[in-house]
Amino acid sequence: MRAFFIGIVCFALCSISLSASAQKVKIESQGQAEQQAQKAAAIARSMEQSVGAPAAGMGQVVFYRSSKSPGEAIGLTADGTYAGDLGAGMYLVLPATPGMHPYGPGELPITVGTGETKYVQVIRNRAGMPQLLASSAAKFQATARQSK
């Protein structure tokens, strides 16, 4: 009986110890997530200084291509209307009213909020066809650095 009691006490102490270490890991993970969110916000502010802020009451979408992107300029559309050509190593900023808009080539629906900047990478897929990929300020920054 005494061995049984000692076993229960040891199990309880181990359980308490494990739950405390699990909480510690969770807290550390939340700290890392907060640091990553702060870094992403700082990059977004930095990129907004480069491309400009959206006009009052509007949002904007930044389309960009790597300088290593092969092929000729790619024609972009916004809401089914021609919006411009995008050559390799270039970016194009399109103002957008708040809401969902389809962009092309192809159709990539993007929801833009007031004062918000969204990023879209323009690539050529393996077949050489233009394609739009939802992106981020950090990826735009990294692509711009590679282009220098």
Protein backbone atom coordinates (compact mmCIF):
# COMPACT_ATOMS: atom_id res chain seq x y z
CA MET A 1 0.00 0.00 0.00
CA ARG A 2 2.83 2.35 0.88
CA ALA A 3 4.48 1.74 -2.55
CA PHE A 4 1.14 2.51 -4.19
CA PHE A 5 0.87 5.81 -2.26
CA ILE A 6 4.48 6.78 -3.18
CA GLY A 7 3.71 5.98 -6.84
CA ILE A 8 0.64 8.25 -6.81
CA VAL A 9 2.61 11.11 -5.21
CA CYS A 10 5.42 10.73 -7.78
CA PHE A 11 2.90 10.69 -10.62
CA ALA A 12 1.20 13.83 -9.28
CA LEU A 13 4.52 15.67 -8.92
CA CYS A 14 5.59 14.67 -12.42
CA SER A 15 2.24 15.83 -13.84
CA ILE A 16 2.57 19.20 -12.15
CA SER A 17 6.15 19.54 -13.42
CA LEU A 18 5.16 18.61 -16.99
CA SER A 19 2.22 20.99 -17.10
CA ALA A 20 4.45 23.83 -15.84
CA SER A 21 7.03 23.17 -18.57
CA ALA A 22 4.28 22.92 -21.21
CA GLN A 23 2.98 26.32 -20.10
CA LYS A 24 6.49 27.73 -20.36
CA VAL A 25 6.79 26.54 -23.96
CA LYS A 26 3.42 28.06 -24.79
CA ILE A 27 4.42 31.42 -23.32
CA GLU A 28 7.71 31.39 -25.22
CA SER A 29 5.87 30.58 -28.45
CA GLN A 30 3.49 33.48 -27.90
CA GLY A 31 6.51 35.75 -27.40
CA GLN A 32 8.02 34.58 -30.68
CA ALA A 33 4.72 35.13 -32.48
CA GLU A 34 4.55 38.66 -31.08
CA GLN A 35 8.13 39.34 -32.23
CA GLN A 36 7.34 38.05 -35.71
CA ALA A 37 4.18 40.18 -35.88
CA GLN A 38 6.15 43.27 -34.83
CA LYS A 39 8.81 42.53 -37.46
CA ALA A 40 6.16 42.07 -40.17
CA ALA A 41 4.51 45.38 -39.17
CA ALA A 42 7.88 47.19 -39.32
CA ILE A 43 8.58 45.76 -42.79
CA ALA A 44 5.08 46.78 -43.95
CA ARG A 45 5.69 50.36 -42.72
CA SER A 46 9.07 50.42 -44.45
CA MET A 47 7.62 49.18 -47.73
CA GLU A 48 4.78 51.70 -47.49
CA GLN A 49 7.40 54.46 -47.38
CA SER A 50 8.79 53.06 -50.64
CA VAL A 51 5.52 52.62 -52.53
CA GLY A 52 3.47 55.32 -50.79
CA ALA A 53 0.38 55.12 -48.64
CA PRO A 54 -3.08 54.55 -50.11
CA ALA A 55 -5.19 57.64 -50.80
CA ALA A 56 -7.73 58.60 -48.13
CA GLY A 57 -10.62 56.13 -48.04
CA MET A 58 -8.83 53.75 -50.43
CA GLY A 59 -6.57 50.71 -50.35
CA GLN A 60 -3.94 49.63 -52.83
CA VAL A 61 -2.43 46.55 -54.41
CA VAL A 62 1.29 46.33 -55.25
CA PHE A 63 2.16 43.97 -58.11
CA TYR A 64 5.84 43.08 -58.47
CA ARG A 65 8.17 40.89 -60.52
CA SER A 66 11.63 39.67 -59.70
CA SER A 67 14.47 40.94 -61.88
CA LYS A 68 15.15 37.24 -62.62
CA SER A 69 11.61 36.64 -63.93
CA PRO A 70 11.89 35.45 -67.54
CA GLY A 71 9.99 36.71 -70.54
CA GLU A 72 8.40 39.89 -71.77
CA ALA A 73 6.27 42.30 -69.77
CA ILE A 74 3.05 40.85 -68.38
CA GLY A 75 -0.24 42.70 -68.87
CA LEU A 76 -2.28 43.14 -65.70
CA THR A 77 -6.01 43.62 -65.32
CA ALA A 78 -8.06 44.98 -62.42
CA ASP A 79 -11.80 44.30 -62.34
CA GLY A 80 -11.56 43.08 -65.95
CA THR A 81 -9.93 46.31 -67.22
CA TYR A 82 -6.36 46.65 -68.50
CA ALA A 83 -4.21 48.17 -65.71
CA GLY A 84 -0.69 48.17 -67.20
CA ASP A 85 2.32 46.08 -68.14
CA LEU A 86 4.82 44.77 -65.62
CA GLY A 87 8.38 44.07 -66.74
CA ALA A 88 10.98 42.04 -64.86
CA GLY A 89 12.37 43.84 -61.80
CA MET A 90 9.48 46.32 -61.71
CA TYR A 91 6.45 46.98 -59.51
CA LEU A 92 3.10 48.64 -60.14
CA VAL A 93 0.83 50.16 -57.48
CA LEU A 94 -2.90 50.14 -58.23
CA PRO A 95 -5.37 52.04 -56.04
CA ALA A 96 -8.43 50.04 -54.99
CA THR A 97 -11.74 50.86 -53.40
CA PRO A 98 -12.38 48.81 -50.26
CA GLY A 99 -13.81 45.40 -51.07
CA MET A 100 -13.04 42.37 -53.22
CA HIS A 101 -11.53 42.81 -56.69
CA PRO A 102 -10.47 40.22 -59.29
CA TYR A 103 -7.00 40.75 -60.78
CA GLY A 104 -5.44 39.04 -63.77
CA PRO A 105 -3.96 37.41 -65.76
CA GLY A 106 -6.03 34.50 -64.59
CA GLU A 107 -8.22 35.59 -61.74
CA LEU A 108 -6.87 36.27 -58.27
CA PRO A 109 -9.56 37.73 -55.99
CA ILE A 110 -8.13 40.13 -53.41
CA THR A 111 -10.06 41.84 -50.63
CA VAL A 112 -8.63 45.27 -49.85
CA GLY A 113 -9.49 47.30 -46.75
CA THR A 114 -9.39 51.06 -46.27
CA GLY A 115 -5.78 52.17 -45.75
CA GLU A 116 -4.51 48.67 -46.53
CA THR A 117 -1.74 47.64 -48.93
CA LYS A 118 -1.81 44.14 -50.40
CA TYR A 119 1.07 42.55 -52.33
CA VAL A 120 0.94 40.26 -55.37
CA GLN A 121 3.94 38.59 -56.98
CA VAL A 122 3.72 38.16 -60.74
CA ILE A 123 5.60 35.15 -62.09
CA ARG A 124 5.74 32.87 -65.09
CA ASN A 125 4.94 29.27 -64.22
CA ARG A 126 6.88 26.30 -65.61
CA ALA A 127 4.83 26.41 -68.79
CA GLY A 128 5.80 30.08 -69.25
CA MET A 129 2.28 31.34 -68.52
CA PRO A 130 1.80 34.43 -66.32
CA GLN A 131 0.52 33.74 -62.81
CA LEU A 132 -0.39 35.90 -59.79
CA LEU A 133 0.53 34.83 -56.27
CA ALA A 134 -0.74 36.46 -53.07
CA SER A 135 2.33 37.77 -51.27
CA SER A 136 3.48 40.00 -48.39
CA ALA A 137 5.51 43.12 -47.68
CA ALA A 138 8.38 40.93 -46.45
CA LYS A 139 8.50 38.95 -49.71
CA PHE A 140 8.30 42.18 -51.72
CA GLN A 141 11.21 43.57 -49.68
CA ALA A 142 13.28 40.41 -50.19
CA THR A 143 12.61 40.43 -53.94
CA ALA A 144 13.58 44.11 -54.16
CA ARG A 145 16.85 43.38 -52.33
CA GLN A 146 17.66 40.53 -54.74
CA SER A 147 17.07 42.84 -57.68
CA LYS A 148 19.81 45.25 -56.61
